[in-house]
Amino acid sequence: MPKITVLPHPTLCPEGLEFEAQPGDNLARTLLKNGVKIEHACEFSCACSTCHVIIREGFDTLNEPDDDELDHIDAAWGAGVLSRLSCQTTVGEADITVEIPKYSRNHAREE
């Protein structure tokens, strides 16, 4: 099983985290299941960019983003060539390292 490494984030995952996932798992749902409270204002429907992550290792092993995802990534804070929307990302066969950006576009985060 691939290992997911989440880099430290000041509020969502201060110590960082490592866990295993099944190939084919949805990255956002897997993060939530393992205690990382990734924002997801549109409930995984690819209608916002609040679940934006940066894949620091293993980017090429993930599913290809579609045009809708790429359009929403353009609106994400700090987006770059290694950016993905975690709600649209499927875990592959290889280990990945995930960075959650410091900010998101979500103006009213719910706890």
N, C-alpha and C. Protein backbone atom coordinates (compact mmCIF):
# COMPACT_ATOMS: atom_id res chain seq x y z
N MET A 1 0.83 -1.18 0.00
CA MET A 1 0.00 0.00 0.00
C MET A 1 0.88 1.25 0.00
N PRO A 2 0.46 2.26 -0.75
CA PRO A 2 1.23 3.50 -0.77
C PRO A 2 1.15 4.25 0.56
N LYS A 3 2.24 4.92 0.89
CA LYS A 3 2.31 5.73 2.10
C LYS A 3 2.03 7.18 1.72
N ILE A 4 1.17 7.83 2.49
CA ILE A 4 0.87 9.25 2.33
C ILE A 4 1.60 9.99 3.45
N THR A 5 2.45 10.92 3.08
CA THR A 5 3.12 11.77 4.05
C THR A 5 2.54 13.17 3.92
N VAL A 6 2.00 13.68 5.03
CA VAL A 6 1.45 15.02 5.06
C VAL A 6 2.47 15.90 5.80
N LEU A 7 2.95 16.92 5.12
CA LEU A 7 3.90 17.83 5.75
C LEU A 7 3.20 18.66 6.82
N PRO A 8 3.93 19.12 7.82
CA PRO A 8 3.29 19.92 8.88
C PRO A 8 2.58 21.15 8.33
N HIS A 9 1.40 21.40 8.89
CA HIS A 9 0.58 22.58 8.58
C HIS A 9 0.21 23.19 9.92
N PRO A 10 0.32 24.52 10.07
CA PRO A 10 0.13 25.15 11.38
C PRO A 10 -1.16 24.80 12.12
N THR A 11 -2.26 24.62 11.41
CA THR A 11 -3.52 24.34 12.09
C THR A 11 -4.12 22.98 11.75
N LEU A 12 -3.97 22.52 10.54
CA LEU A 12 -4.62 21.27 10.13
C LEU A 12 -3.84 20.02 10.51
N CYS A 13 -2.53 20.15 10.65
CA CYS A 13 -1.69 18.97 10.92
C CYS A 13 -0.33 19.45 11.45
N PRO A 14 -0.29 20.03 12.64
CA PRO A 14 0.92 20.68 13.14
C PRO A 14 2.17 19.79 13.19
N GLU A 15 1.99 18.53 13.46
CA GLU A 15 3.14 17.62 13.58
C GLU A 15 3.45 16.88 12.28
N GLY A 16 2.63 17.07 11.26
CA GLY A 16 2.76 16.24 10.07
C GLY A 16 2.17 14.87 10.37
N LEU A 17 2.09 14.02 9.37
CA LEU A 17 1.44 12.72 9.55
C LEU A 17 1.86 11.78 8.43
N GLU A 18 1.94 10.50 8.75
CA GLU A 18 2.14 9.45 7.74
C GLU A 18 1.10 8.37 7.96
N PHE A 19 0.53 7.89 6.88
CA PHE A 19 -0.43 6.79 6.95
C PHE A 19 -0.45 6.08 5.61
N GLU A 20 -1.04 4.91 5.58
CA GLU A 20 -1.17 4.15 4.34
C GLU A 20 -2.56 4.34 3.76
N ALA A 21 -2.65 4.22 2.46
CA ALA A 21 -3.93 4.32 1.77
C ALA A 21 -4.02 3.22 0.72
N GLN A 22 -5.19 2.94 0.30
CA GLN A 22 -5.40 1.96 -0.77
C GLN A 22 -5.28 2.66 -2.12
N PRO A 23 -4.63 2.04 -3.10
CA PRO A 23 -4.66 2.61 -4.45
C PRO A 23 -6.12 2.77 -4.90
N GLY A 24 -6.42 3.92 -5.49
CA GLY A 24 -7.78 4.21 -5.93
C GLY A 24 -8.58 5.03 -4.94
N ASP A 25 -8.06 5.19 -3.70
CA ASP A 25 -8.75 6.02 -2.72
C ASP A 25 -8.73 7.48 -3.14
N ASN A 26 -9.79 8.20 -2.80
CA ASN A 26 -9.86 9.63 -3.02
C ASN A 26 -8.99 10.31 -1.97
N LEU A 27 -8.09 11.20 -2.38
CA LEU A 27 -7.13 11.81 -1.47
C LEU A 27 -7.81 12.64 -0.38
N ALA A 28 -8.78 13.48 -0.72
CA ALA A 28 -9.45 14.32 0.28
C ALA A 28 -10.14 13.46 1.34
N ARG A 29 -10.87 12.47 0.91
CA ARG A 29 -11.58 11.60 1.86
C ARG A 29 -10.59 10.82 2.73
N THR A 30 -9.47 10.42 2.16
CA THR A 30 -8.45 9.69 2.92
C THR A 30 -7.79 10.60 3.95
N LEU A 31 -7.53 11.86 3.57
CA LEU A 31 -6.98 12.81 4.54
C LEU A 31 -7.95 12.98 5.71
N LEU A 32 -9.22 13.19 5.42
CA LEU A 32 -10.22 13.37 6.46
C LEU A 32 -10.33 12.13 7.36
N LYS A 33 -10.34 10.97 6.74
CA LYS A 33 -10.44 9.71 7.48
C LYS A 33 -9.28 9.53 8.46
N ASN A 34 -8.13 10.12 8.12
CA ASN A 34 -6.94 9.99 8.97
C ASN A 34 -6.70 11.21 9.85
N GLY A 35 -7.72 12.05 10.02
CA GLY A 35 -7.66 13.14 10.97
C GLY A 35 -7.15 14.47 10.45
N VAL A 36 -6.88 14.57 9.15
CA VAL A 36 -6.44 15.85 8.57
C VAL A 36 -7.69 16.55 8.04
N LYS A 37 -8.08 17.63 8.69
CA LYS A 37 -9.34 18.30 8.37
C LYS A 37 -9.18 19.25 7.18
N ILE A 38 -8.91 18.66 6.02
CA ILE A 38 -8.75 19.44 4.78
C ILE A 38 -10.08 20.13 4.48
N GLU A 39 -10.01 21.39 4.08
CA GLU A 39 -11.23 22.10 3.73
C GLU A 39 -11.83 21.52 2.45
N HIS A 40 -13.15 21.55 2.37
CA HIS A 40 -13.86 21.01 1.21
C HIS A 40 -15.24 21.67 1.12
N ALA A 41 -15.23 22.96 0.83
CA ALA A 41 -16.45 23.77 0.84
C ALA A 41 -17.51 23.28 -0.15
N CYS A 42 -17.10 22.64 -1.23
CA CYS A 42 -18.08 22.20 -2.24
C CYS A 42 -18.45 20.73 -2.09
N GLU A 43 -18.02 20.12 -0.97
CA GLU A 43 -18.33 18.72 -0.70
C GLU A 43 -17.86 17.79 -1.83
N PHE A 44 -16.65 18.00 -2.29
CA PHE A 44 -15.95 17.12 -3.24
C PHE A 44 -16.52 17.16 -4.67
N SER A 45 -17.19 18.25 -5.04
CA SER A 45 -17.82 18.30 -6.36
C SER A 45 -17.01 19.08 -7.40
N CYS A 46 -15.78 19.47 -7.06
CA CYS A 46 -14.91 20.21 -7.98
C CYS A 46 -15.54 21.54 -8.38
N ALA A 47 -16.10 22.23 -7.37
CA ALA A 47 -16.73 23.52 -7.64
C ALA A 47 -16.01 24.67 -6.94
N CYS A 48 -14.91 24.38 -6.27
CA CYS A 48 -14.14 25.41 -5.59
C CYS A 48 -12.67 24.96 -5.59
N SER A 49 -11.86 25.60 -4.81
CA SER A 49 -10.46 25.16 -4.72
C SER A 49 -9.99 25.09 -3.28
N THR A 50 -10.92 24.91 -2.33
CA THR A 50 -10.54 24.93 -0.92
C THR A 50 -9.75 23.70 -0.50
N CYS A 51 -9.82 22.62 -1.24
CA CYS A 51 -9.07 21.40 -0.90
C CYS A 51 -7.74 21.32 -1.66
N HIS A 52 -7.28 22.44 -2.15
CA HIS A 52 -6.02 22.52 -2.89
C HIS A 52 -4.86 21.98 -2.06
N VAL A 53 -4.05 21.12 -2.67
CA VAL A 53 -2.83 20.61 -2.06
C VAL A 53 -1.70 20.70 -3.08
N ILE A 54 -0.48 20.61 -2.58
CA ILE A 54 0.69 20.57 -3.44
C ILE A 54 1.33 19.21 -3.22
N ILE A 55 1.54 18.47 -4.29
CA ILE A 55 2.13 17.14 -4.21
C ILE A 55 3.64 17.28 -4.38
N ARG A 56 4.37 17.21 -3.28
CA ARG A 56 5.82 17.43 -3.29
C ARG A 56 6.60 16.22 -3.79
N GLU A 57 6.06 15.03 -3.62
CA GLU A 57 6.68 13.81 -4.16
C GLU A 57 5.58 12.89 -4.66
N GLY A 58 5.80 12.26 -5.79
CA GLY A 58 4.86 11.30 -6.34
C GLY A 58 3.80 11.88 -7.25
N PHE A 59 3.95 13.13 -7.66
CA PHE A 59 2.94 13.79 -8.49
C PHE A 59 2.61 12.99 -9.76
N ASP A 60 3.63 12.47 -10.42
CA ASP A 60 3.44 11.77 -11.69
C ASP A 60 2.75 10.41 -11.54
N THR A 61 2.56 9.94 -10.31
CA THR A 61 1.93 8.64 -10.10
C THR A 61 0.43 8.75 -9.91
N LEU A 62 -0.08 9.98 -9.86
CA LEU A 62 -1.51 10.20 -9.61
C LEU A 62 -2.31 10.25 -10.91
N ASN A 63 -3.62 10.15 -10.79
CA ASN A 63 -4.49 10.27 -11.97
C ASN A 63 -4.31 11.65 -12.60
N GLU A 64 -4.59 11.75 -13.87
CA GLU A 64 -4.48 13.03 -14.59
C GLU A 64 -5.63 13.95 -14.22
N PRO A 65 -5.36 15.23 -13.99
CA PRO A 65 -6.45 16.17 -13.73
C PRO A 65 -7.24 16.45 -15.00
N ASP A 66 -8.55 16.63 -14.87
CA ASP A 66 -9.34 16.99 -16.05
C ASP A 66 -9.40 18.52 -16.17
N ASP A 67 -10.01 19.00 -17.22
CA ASP A 67 -10.06 20.44 -17.48
C ASP A 67 -10.76 21.22 -16.38
N ASP A 68 -11.82 20.65 -15.82
CA ASP A 68 -12.55 21.32 -14.75
C ASP A 68 -11.65 21.53 -13.53
N GLU A 69 -10.92 20.50 -13.15
CA GLU A 69 -9.98 20.63 -12.03
C GLU A 69 -8.91 21.68 -12.32
N LEU A 70 -8.37 21.64 -13.51
CA LEU A 70 -7.32 22.60 -13.87
C LEU A 70 -7.84 24.04 -13.81
N ASP A 71 -9.08 24.26 -14.23
CA ASP A 71 -9.68 25.59 -14.15
C ASP A 71 -9.78 26.07 -12.71
N HIS A 72 -10.17 25.17 -11.79
CA HIS A 72 -10.30 25.54 -10.38
C HIS A 72 -8.94 25.70 -9.70
N ILE A 73 -7.96 24.92 -10.10
CA ILE A 73 -6.62 25.08 -9.53
C ILE A 73 -6.09 26.47 -9.82
N ASP A 74 -6.39 27.00 -11.00
CA ASP A 74 -5.94 28.35 -11.36
C ASP A 74 -6.38 29.39 -10.33
N ALA A 75 -7.48 29.14 -9.63
CA ALA A 75 -8.01 30.10 -8.66
C ALA A 75 -7.50 29.85 -7.24
N ALA A 76 -6.73 28.79 -7.04
CA ALA A 76 -6.27 28.44 -5.70
C ALA A 76 -5.11 29.33 -5.25
N TRP A 77 -5.08 29.61 -3.95
CA TRP A 77 -3.99 30.41 -3.38
C TRP A 77 -2.68 29.61 -3.49
N GLY A 78 -1.66 30.21 -4.07
CA GLY A 78 -0.34 29.58 -4.15
C GLY A 78 -0.23 28.43 -5.13
N ALA A 79 -1.13 28.36 -6.09
CA ALA A 79 -1.13 27.25 -7.05
C ALA A 79 0.14 27.24 -7.90
N GLY A 80 0.58 26.05 -8.25
CA GLY A 80 1.75 25.88 -9.09
C GLY A 80 1.65 24.60 -9.89
N VAL A 81 2.73 24.19 -10.50
CA VAL A 81 2.71 23.03 -11.39
C VAL A 81 2.49 21.71 -10.64
N LEU A 82 2.70 21.69 -9.33
CA LEU A 82 2.49 20.47 -8.55
C LEU A 82 1.18 20.50 -7.77
N SER A 83 0.29 21.42 -8.12
CA SER A 83 -0.98 21.58 -7.42
C SER A 83 -2.02 20.59 -7.91
N ARG A 84 -2.85 20.14 -6.97
CA ARG A 84 -4.01 19.31 -7.28
C ARG A 84 -5.13 19.69 -6.34
N LEU A 85 -6.36 19.39 -6.75
CA LEU A 85 -7.49 19.46 -5.84
C LEU A 85 -7.60 18.06 -5.23
N SER A 86 -7.50 17.98 -3.92
CA SER A 86 -7.48 16.66 -3.29
C SER A 86 -8.79 15.90 -3.51
N CYS A 87 -9.90 16.62 -3.72
CA CYS A 87 -11.18 15.95 -3.96
C CYS A 87 -11.24 15.27 -5.33
N GLN A 88 -10.33 15.63 -6.21
CA GLN A 88 -10.33 15.06 -7.57
C GLN A 88 -9.13 14.14 -7.79
N THR A 89 -8.33 13.93 -6.75
CA THR A 89 -7.10 13.17 -6.86
C THR A 89 -7.29 11.76 -6.33
N THR A 90 -6.85 10.79 -7.12
CA THR A 90 -6.92 9.40 -6.75
C THR A 90 -5.53 8.91 -6.39
N VAL A 91 -5.42 8.28 -5.24
CA VAL A 91 -4.15 7.72 -4.80
C VAL A 91 -3.72 6.63 -5.78
N GLY A 92 -2.45 6.69 -6.18
CA GLY A 92 -1.91 5.69 -7.10
C GLY A 92 -1.22 4.56 -6.35
N GLU A 93 -0.26 3.93 -7.01
CA GLU A 93 0.45 2.80 -6.43
C GLU A 93 1.68 3.22 -5.64
N ALA A 94 2.12 4.47 -5.78
CA ALA A 94 3.38 4.92 -5.17
C ALA A 94 3.13 5.84 -3.98
N ASP A 95 4.14 5.99 -3.15
CA ASP A 95 4.09 6.92 -2.02
C ASP A 95 4.00 8.35 -2.53
N ILE A 96 3.31 9.21 -1.77
CA ILE A 96 3.23 10.62 -2.12
C ILE A 96 3.48 11.48 -0.87
N THR A 97 3.94 12.68 -1.10
CA THR A 97 4.11 13.67 -0.03
C THR A 97 3.22 14.85 -0.37
N VAL A 98 2.39 15.23 0.60
CA VAL A 98 1.37 16.26 0.41
C VAL A 98 1.68 17.47 1.28
N GLU A 99 1.63 18.64 0.67
CA GLU A 99 1.71 19.89 1.42
C GLU A 99 0.37 20.59 1.31
N ILE A 100 -0.18 20.99 2.45
CA ILE A 100 -1.42 21.76 2.46
C ILE A 100 -1.02 23.22 2.55
N PRO A 101 -1.41 24.04 1.58
CA PRO A 101 -1.03 25.45 1.61
C PRO A 101 -1.53 26.15 2.87
N LYS A 102 -0.82 27.19 3.25
CA LYS A 102 -1.15 27.94 4.46
C LYS A 102 -2.54 28.58 4.39
N TYR A 103 -2.93 29.01 3.20
CA TYR A 103 -4.22 29.70 3.03
C TYR A 103 -5.07 28.97 2.00
N SER A 104 -6.38 29.21 2.09
CA SER A 104 -7.30 28.74 1.05
C SER A 104 -8.25 29.87 0.71
N ARG A 105 -9.10 29.66 -0.27
CA ARG A 105 -10.07 30.68 -0.68
C ARG A 105 -11.32 30.64 0.16
N ASN A 106 -11.39 29.74 1.12
CA ASN A 106 -12.58 29.61 1.94
C ASN A 106 -12.65 30.77 2.94
N HIS A 107 -13.65 31.62 2.81
CA HIS A 107 -13.78 32.79 3.67
C HIS A 107 -14.50 32.50 4.98
N ALA A 108 -15.23 31.40 5.04
CA ALA A 108 -16.01 31.08 6.23
C ALA A 108 -15.86 29.61 6.57
N ARG A 109 -14.74 29.26 7.13
CA ARG A 109 -14.47 27.87 7.45
C ARG A 109 -15.38 27.38 8.58
N GLU A 110 -15.99 26.23 8.36
CA GLU A 110 -16.86 25.63 9.37
C GLU A 110 -16.06 24.61 10.16
N GLU A 111 -16.29 24.55 11.46
CA GLU A 111 -15.60 23.57 12.31
C GLU A 111 -16.45 22.35 12.49
